[in-house]
């Protein structure tokens, strides 16, 4: 199984991101998810895009060699950035789903430590898992640098701090954005509700 992943790593990677996009569009079109969740997905994609493009450009222009690719990407780096941004958006939405599952309503009305704590815990767990899967399947890994120390090794290959730190900051940005989106939608609802016409 692992050998299949190694042989078709990038095909699997891009296929999953395309699948994510199709699923979220169908769910929204069929009204299985709200407009709020739809916006949160794209907020997550945009949040992910910011760090994906930043790190990629730093690496591409040799400002710092951040990535080690065991399998050379078969396409231009912008496609990888877009693909992984879609991944990021879906991972944020899973975190939102966990909040909906375990915390009482209302959600994202105002700052709640429990909400952002769940997002952070989820983000740290999934980030570690994805890094391990990537390393094990021969995809990519982050190069250890003085500002990106090693947390631990998997078969002599490093799992570093940078992805964890990025997701920590990303969660804060995403959660703040989610609160703003919810507040904006609530204001629109009040303004355009029949009672106010």
C-alpha atoms as a PDB file:
ATOM      1  CA  UNK A   1       0.000   0.000   0.000  1.00  0.00           C
ATOM      2  CA  UNK A   2       2.756   2.425   0.969  1.00  0.00           C
ATOM      3  CA  UNK A   3       4.583   1.626  -2.263  1.00  0.00           C
ATOM      4  CA  UNK A   4       1.487   2.574  -4.275  1.00  0.00           C
ATOM      5  CA  UNK A   5       1.368   5.914  -2.459  1.00  0.00           C
ATOM      6  CA  UNK A   6       5.061   6.441  -3.213  1.00  0.00           C
ATOM      7  CA  UNK A   7       4.613   5.599  -6.891  1.00  0.00           C
ATOM      8  CA  UNK A   8       1.592   7.860  -7.362  1.00  0.00           C
ATOM      9  CA  UNK A   9       2.178  10.440  -4.625  1.00  0.00           C
ATOM     10  CA  UNK A  10       1.538  13.591  -6.655  1.00  0.00           C
ATOM     11  CA  UNK A  11      -1.398  12.091  -8.553  1.00  0.00           C
ATOM     12  CA  UNK A  12      -3.015  11.172  -5.236  1.00  0.00           C
ATOM     13  CA  UNK A  13      -2.164  14.587  -3.795  1.00  0.00           C
ATOM     14  CA  UNK A  14      -3.783  16.531  -6.655  1.00  0.00           C
ATOM     15  CA  UNK A  15      -6.728  14.128  -6.956  1.00  0.00           C
ATOM     16  CA  UNK A  16      -7.647  14.619  -3.306  1.00  0.00           C
ATOM     17  CA  UNK A  17      -7.552  18.410  -3.620  1.00  0.00           C
ATOM     18  CA  UNK A  18      -9.795  18.238  -6.709  1.00  0.00           C
ATOM     19  CA  UNK A  19     -12.125  15.883  -4.845  1.00  0.00           C
ATOM     20  CA  UNK A  20     -12.258  18.336  -1.925  1.00  0.00           C
ATOM     21  CA  UNK A  21     -13.239  21.172  -4.265  1.00  0.00           C
ATOM     22  CA  UNK A  22     -15.951  19.089  -5.944  1.00  0.00           C
ATOM     23  CA  UNK A  23     -17.394  17.897  -2.628  1.00  0.00           C
ATOM     24  CA  UNK A  24     -17.565  21.356  -1.051  1.00  0.00           C
ATOM     25  CA  UNK A  25     -19.198  22.805  -4.193  1.00  0.00           C
ATOM     26  CA  UNK A  26     -21.790  20.010  -4.359  1.00  0.00           C
ATOM     27  CA  UNK A  27     -22.543  20.285  -0.634  1.00  0.00           C
ATOM     28  CA  UNK A  28     -23.113  24.011  -0.959  1.00  0.00           C
ATOM     29  CA  UNK A  29     -25.125  23.727  -4.185  1.00  0.00           C
ATOM     30  CA  UNK A  30     -27.349  21.062  -2.601  1.00  0.00           C
ATOM     31  CA  UNK A  31     -27.646  23.227   0.542  1.00  0.00           C
ATOM     32  CA  UNK A  32     -26.113  20.609   2.835  1.00  0.00           C
ATOM     33  CA  UNK A  33     -23.815  23.289   4.200  1.00  0.00           C
ATOM     34  CA  UNK A  34     -24.632  26.890   5.042  1.00  0.00           C
ATOM     35  CA  UNK A  35     -23.343  30.019   3.377  1.00  0.00           C
ATOM     36  CA  UNK A  36     -21.325  30.596   6.546  1.00  0.00           C
ATOM     37  CA  UNK A  37     -19.505  27.260   6.184  1.00  0.00           C
ATOM     38  CA  UNK A  38     -19.006  27.941   2.467  1.00  0.00           C
ATOM     39  CA  UNK A  39     -17.316  31.240   3.312  1.00  0.00           C
ATOM     40  CA  UNK A  40     -15.263  29.603   6.067  1.00  0.00           C
ATOM     41  CA  UNK A  41     -13.935  27.050   3.594  1.00  0.00           C
ATOM     42  CA  UNK A  42     -12.688  29.799   1.292  1.00  0.00           C
ATOM     43  CA  UNK A  43     -11.337  31.745   4.258  1.00  0.00           C
ATOM     44  CA  UNK A  44      -9.367  28.617   5.149  1.00  0.00           C
ATOM     45  CA  UNK A  45      -8.165  28.246   1.564  1.00  0.00           C
ATOM     46  CA  UNK A  46      -7.013  31.871   1.512  1.00  0.00           C
ATOM     47  CA  UNK A  47      -5.296  31.525   4.884  1.00  0.00           C
ATOM     48  CA  UNK A  48      -3.487  28.437   3.647  1.00  0.00           C
ATOM     49  CA  UNK A  49      -2.631  30.105   0.338  1.00  0.00           C
ATOM     50  CA  UNK A  50      -0.849  32.922   2.175  1.00  0.00           C
ATOM     51  CA  UNK A  51       1.615  30.594   3.862  1.00  0.00           C
ATOM     52  CA  UNK A  52       1.831  28.137   0.964  1.00  0.00           C
ATOM     53  CA  UNK A  53       2.814  30.820  -1.570  1.00  0.00           C
ATOM     54  CA  UNK A  54       5.108  32.604   0.889  1.00  0.00           C
ATOM     55  CA  UNK A  55       7.109  29.498   1.791  1.00  0.00           C
ATOM     56  CA  UNK A  56       7.169  28.315  -1.819  1.00  0.00           C
ATOM     57  CA  UNK A  57       8.532  31.626  -3.139  1.00  0.00           C
ATOM     58  CA  UNK A  58      11.142  31.723  -0.379  1.00  0.00           C
ATOM     59  CA  UNK A  59      12.245  28.254  -1.478  1.00  0.00           C
ATOM     60  CA  UNK A  60      11.974  28.846  -5.251  1.00  0.00           C
ATOM     61  CA  UNK A  61      14.067  32.019  -5.142  1.00  0.00           C
ATOM     62  CA  UNK A  62      16.632  30.399  -2.831  1.00  0.00           C
ATOM     63  CA  UNK A  63      16.094  32.875  -0.020  1.00  0.00           C
ATOM     64  CA  UNK A  64      16.073  29.805   2.189  1.00  0.00           C
ATOM     65  CA  UNK A  65      15.949  26.157   1.183  1.00  0.00           C
ATOM     66  CA  UNK A  66      12.854  25.168   3.123  1.00  0.00           C
ATOM     67  CA  UNK A  67      11.673  22.019   1.352  1.00  0.00           C
ATOM     68  CA  UNK A  68      13.305  18.721   0.540  1.00  0.00           C
ATOM     69  CA  UNK A  69      11.407  16.937  -2.241  1.00  0.00           C
ATOM     70  CA  UNK A  70      12.012  13.204  -2.380  1.00  0.00           C
ATOM     71  CA  UNK A  71       9.830  13.083  -5.473  1.00  0.00           C
ATOM     72  CA  UNK A  72      10.266  15.965  -7.882  1.00  0.00           C
ATOM     73  CA  UNK A  73       6.937  17.757  -8.435  1.00  0.00           C
ATOM     74  CA  UNK A  74       5.683  17.050 -11.982  1.00  0.00           C
ATOM     75  CA  UNK A  75       4.035  20.461 -12.407  1.00  0.00           C
ATOM     76  CA  UNK A  76       4.743  24.153 -11.848  1.00  0.00           C
ATOM     77  CA  UNK A  77       4.874  25.106  -8.174  1.00  0.00           C
ATOM     78  CA  UNK A  78       1.740  27.275  -8.403  1.00  0.00           C
ATOM     79  CA  UNK A  79      -0.367  24.131  -8.904  1.00  0.00           C
ATOM     80  CA  UNK A  80       1.088  22.659  -5.717  1.00  0.00           C
ATOM     81  CA  UNK A  81       0.322  25.889  -3.861  1.00  0.00           C
ATOM     82  CA  UNK A  82      -3.305  25.858  -5.063  1.00  0.00           C
ATOM     83  CA  UNK A  83      -3.700  22.146  -4.369  1.00  0.00           C
ATOM     84  CA  UNK A  84      -2.369  22.386  -0.836  1.00  0.00           C
ATOM     85  CA  UNK A  85      -4.422  25.523  -0.158  1.00  0.00           C
ATOM     86  CA  UNK A  86      -7.550  23.484  -0.923  1.00  0.00           C
ATOM     87  CA  UNK A  87      -6.275  20.857   1.494  1.00  0.00           C
ATOM     88  CA  UNK A  88      -5.785  23.568   4.108  1.00  0.00           C
ATOM     89  CA  UNK A  89      -9.316  24.876   3.621  1.00  0.00           C
ATOM     90  CA  UNK A  90     -10.788  21.416   4.139  1.00  0.00           C
ATOM     91  CA  UNK A  91      -8.662  20.818   7.244  1.00  0.00           C
ATOM     92  CA  UNK A  92      -9.920  24.063   8.761  1.00  0.00           C
ATOM     93  CA  UNK A  93     -13.507  22.990   8.003  1.00  0.00           C
ATOM     94  CA  UNK A  94     -12.943  19.653   9.727  1.00  0.00           C
ATOM     95  CA  UNK A  95     -11.833  21.655  12.756  1.00  0.00           C
ATOM     96  CA  UNK A  96     -15.052  23.677  12.521  1.00  0.00           C
ATOM     97  CA  UNK A  97     -16.988  20.410  12.333  1.00  0.00           C
ATOM     98  CA  UNK A  98     -15.331  19.204  15.542  1.00  0.00           C
ATOM     99  CA  UNK A  99     -16.391  22.451  17.229  1.00  0.00           C
ATOM    100  CA  UNK A 100     -19.990  21.926  16.058  1.00  0.00           C
ATOM    101  CA  UNK A 101     -19.871  18.326  17.266  1.00  0.00           C
ATOM    102  CA  UNK A 102     -18.495  18.833  20.761  1.00  0.00           C
ATOM    103  CA  UNK A 103     -19.466  22.365  21.801  1.00  0.00           C
ATOM    104  CA  UNK A 104     -22.913  23.724  22.500  1.00  0.00           C
ATOM    105  CA  UNK A 105     -24.483  26.389  20.299  1.00  0.00           C
ATOM    106  CA  UNK A 106     -24.113  29.191  19.427  1.00  0.00           C
ATOM    107  CA  UNK A 107     -20.814  28.926  17.565  1.00  0.00           C
ATOM    108  CA  UNK A 108     -18.513  31.722  16.401  1.00  0.00           C
ATOM    109  CA  UNK A 109     -20.711  34.434  17.933  1.00  0.00           C
ATOM    110  CA  UNK A 110     -17.877  35.860  20.003  1.00  0.00           C
ATOM    111  CA  UNK A 111     -14.455  34.768  21.172  1.00  0.00           C
ATOM    112  CA  UNK A 112     -14.591  31.467  23.041  1.00  0.00           C
ATOM    113  CA  UNK A 113     -11.401  29.907  24.309  1.00  0.00           C
ATOM    114  CA  UNK A 114     -12.885  26.426  23.879  1.00  0.00           C
ATOM    115  CA  UNK A 115     -13.476  27.024  20.159  1.00  0.00           C
ATOM    116  CA  UNK A 116     -10.005  28.227  19.312  1.00  0.00           C
ATOM    117  CA  UNK A 117      -8.490  25.560  21.581  1.00  0.00           C
ATOM    118  CA  UNK A 118     -10.207  22.820  19.569  1.00  0.00           C
ATOM    119  CA  UNK A 119      -8.992  24.387  16.323  1.00  0.00           C
ATOM    120  CA  UNK A 120      -5.426  24.557  17.616  1.00  0.00           C
ATOM    121  CA  UNK A 121      -5.391  20.997  18.998  1.00  0.00           C
ATOM    122  CA  UNK A 122      -6.851  19.629  15.756  1.00  0.00           C
ATOM    123  CA  UNK A 123      -4.425  21.638  13.630  1.00  0.00           C
ATOM    124  CA  UNK A 124      -1.411  20.397  15.554  1.00  0.00           C
ATOM    125  CA  UNK A 125      -2.509  16.761  15.396  1.00  0.00           C
ATOM    126  CA  UNK A 126      -3.335  16.771  11.678  1.00  0.00           C
ATOM    127  CA  UNK A 127      -0.160  18.695  10.820  1.00  0.00           C
ATOM    128  CA  UNK A 128       2.019  16.079  12.511  1.00  0.00           C
ATOM    129  CA  UNK A 129       0.088  13.250  10.832  1.00  0.00           C
ATOM    130  CA  UNK A 130       0.371  14.813   7.372  1.00  0.00           C
ATOM    131  CA  UNK A 131       4.098  15.468   7.783  1.00  0.00           C
ATOM    132  CA  UNK A 132       4.649  11.857   8.832  1.00  0.00           C
ATOM    133  CA  UNK A 133       2.594  10.550   5.896  1.00  0.00           C
ATOM    134  CA  UNK A 134       4.523  12.771   3.483  1.00  0.00           C
ATOM    135  CA  UNK A 135       7.860  11.618   4.855  1.00  0.00           C
ATOM    136  CA  UNK A 136       6.855   7.949   4.861  1.00  0.00           C
ATOM    137  CA  UNK A 137       5.438   8.104   1.343  1.00  0.00           C
ATOM    138  CA  UNK A 138       8.434   9.904  -0.115  1.00  0.00           C
ATOM    139  CA  UNK A 139       6.756  13.239  -0.803  1.00  0.00           C
ATOM    140  CA  UNK A 140       8.401  16.236   0.817  1.00  0.00           C
ATOM    141  CA  UNK A 141       9.792  17.279   4.162  1.00  0.00           C
ATOM    142  CA  UNK A 142      10.874  20.535   5.764  1.00  0.00           C
ATOM    143  CA  UNK A 143      14.600  21.098   5.949  1.00  0.00           C
ATOM    144  CA  UNK A 144      15.950  21.583   9.483  1.00  0.00           C
ATOM    145  CA  UNK A 145      17.309  25.109   9.904  1.00  0.00           C
ATOM    146  CA  UNK A 146      18.354  27.157  12.898  1.00  0.00           C
ATOM    147  CA  UNK A 147      14.881  28.741  12.907  1.00  0.00           C
ATOM    148  CA  UNK A 148      13.160  25.441  12.095  1.00  0.00           C
ATOM    149  CA  UNK A 149      14.372  22.955  14.712  1.00  0.00           C
ATOM    150  CA  UNK A 150      13.691  19.227  14.600  1.00  0.00           C
ATOM    151  CA  UNK A 151      10.918  17.939  16.869  1.00  0.00           C
ATOM    152  CA  UNK A 152      11.655  14.253  16.289  1.00  0.00           C
ATOM    153  CA  UNK A 153      12.752  11.818  13.593  1.00  0.00           C
ATOM    154  CA  UNK A 154      10.834   9.237  11.564  1.00  0.00           C
ATOM    155  CA  UNK A 155      13.254   6.653  10.183  1.00  0.00           C
ATOM    156  CA  UNK A 156      16.080   9.193  10.452  1.00  0.00           C
ATOM    157  CA  UNK A 157      14.019  11.825   8.621  1.00  0.00           C
ATOM    158  CA  UNK A 158      13.126  15.057  10.448  1.00  0.00           C
ATOM    159  CA  UNK A 159       9.727  16.312  11.511  1.00  0.00           C
ATOM    160  CA  UNK A 160      10.274  19.997  12.213  1.00  0.00           C
ATOM    161  CA  UNK A 161       8.660  22.830  14.157  1.00  0.00           C
ATOM    162  CA  UNK A 162       7.760  25.145  11.261  1.00  0.00           C
ATOM    163  CA  UNK A 163       4.521  23.428  10.123  1.00  0.00           C
ATOM    164  CA  UNK A 164       3.262  23.357  13.715  1.00  0.00           C
ATOM    165  CA  UNK A 165       4.024  27.039  14.204  1.00  0.00           C
ATOM    166  CA  UNK A 166       2.397  27.936  10.882  1.00  0.00           C
ATOM    167  CA  UNK A 167      -0.801  26.111  11.800  1.00  0.00           C
ATOM    168  CA  UNK A 168      -0.846  27.778  15.216  1.00  0.00           C
ATOM    169  CA  UNK A 169      -0.724  31.243  13.648  1.00  0.00           C
ATOM    170  CA  UNK A 170      -3.074  30.107  10.881  1.00  0.00           C
ATOM    171  CA  UNK A 171      -5.685  29.028  13.441  1.00  0.00           C
ATOM    172  CA  UNK A 172      -5.606  32.423  15.119  1.00  0.00           C
ATOM    173  CA  UNK A 173      -6.071  34.167  11.755  1.00  0.00           C
ATOM    174  CA  UNK A 174      -8.791  31.745  10.651  1.00  0.00           C
ATOM    175  CA  UNK A 175     -10.713  31.974  13.924  1.00  0.00           C
ATOM    176  CA  UNK A 176     -10.572  35.771  13.914  1.00  0.00           C
ATOM    177  CA  UNK A 177     -11.816  35.752  10.313  1.00  0.00           C
ATOM    178  CA  UNK A 178     -14.624  33.337  11.210  1.00  0.00           C
ATOM    179  CA  UNK A 179     -15.848  35.687  13.952  1.00  0.00           C
ATOM    180  CA  UNK A 180     -15.796  38.631  11.535  1.00  0.00           C
ATOM    181  CA  UNK A 181     -17.665  36.675   8.852  1.00  0.00           C
ATOM    182  CA  UNK A 182     -20.330  35.561  11.319  1.00  0.00           C
ATOM    183  CA  UNK A 183     -20.747  39.112  12.621  1.00  0.00           C
ATOM    184  CA  UNK A 184     -21.034  40.458   9.071  1.00  0.00           C
ATOM    185  CA  UNK A 185     -23.637  37.856   8.077  1.00  0.00           C
ATOM    186  CA  UNK A 186     -25.639  38.545  11.233  1.00  0.00           C
ATOM    187  CA  UNK A 187     -25.705  42.270  10.465  1.00  0.00           C
ATOM    188  CA  UNK A 188     -26.890  41.571   6.924  1.00  0.00           C
ATOM    189  CA  UNK A 189     -29.610  39.302   8.282  1.00  0.00           C
ATOM    190  CA  UNK A 190     -30.832  42.041  10.629  1.00  0.00           C
ATOM    191  CA  UNK A 191     -30.785  44.691   7.898  1.00  0.00           C
ATOM    192  CA  UNK A 192     -32.580  42.591   5.292  1.00  0.00           C
ATOM    193  CA  UNK A 193     -34.976  40.686   7.558  1.00  0.00           C
ATOM    194  CA  UNK A 194     -38.695  41.260   6.790  1.00  0.00           C
ATOM    195  CA  UNK A 195     -39.284  42.777  10.235  1.00  0.00           C
ATOM    196  CA  UNK A 196     -37.022  45.709   9.322  1.00  0.00           C
ATOM    197  CA  UNK A 197     -38.668  46.514   5.999  1.00  0.00           C
END
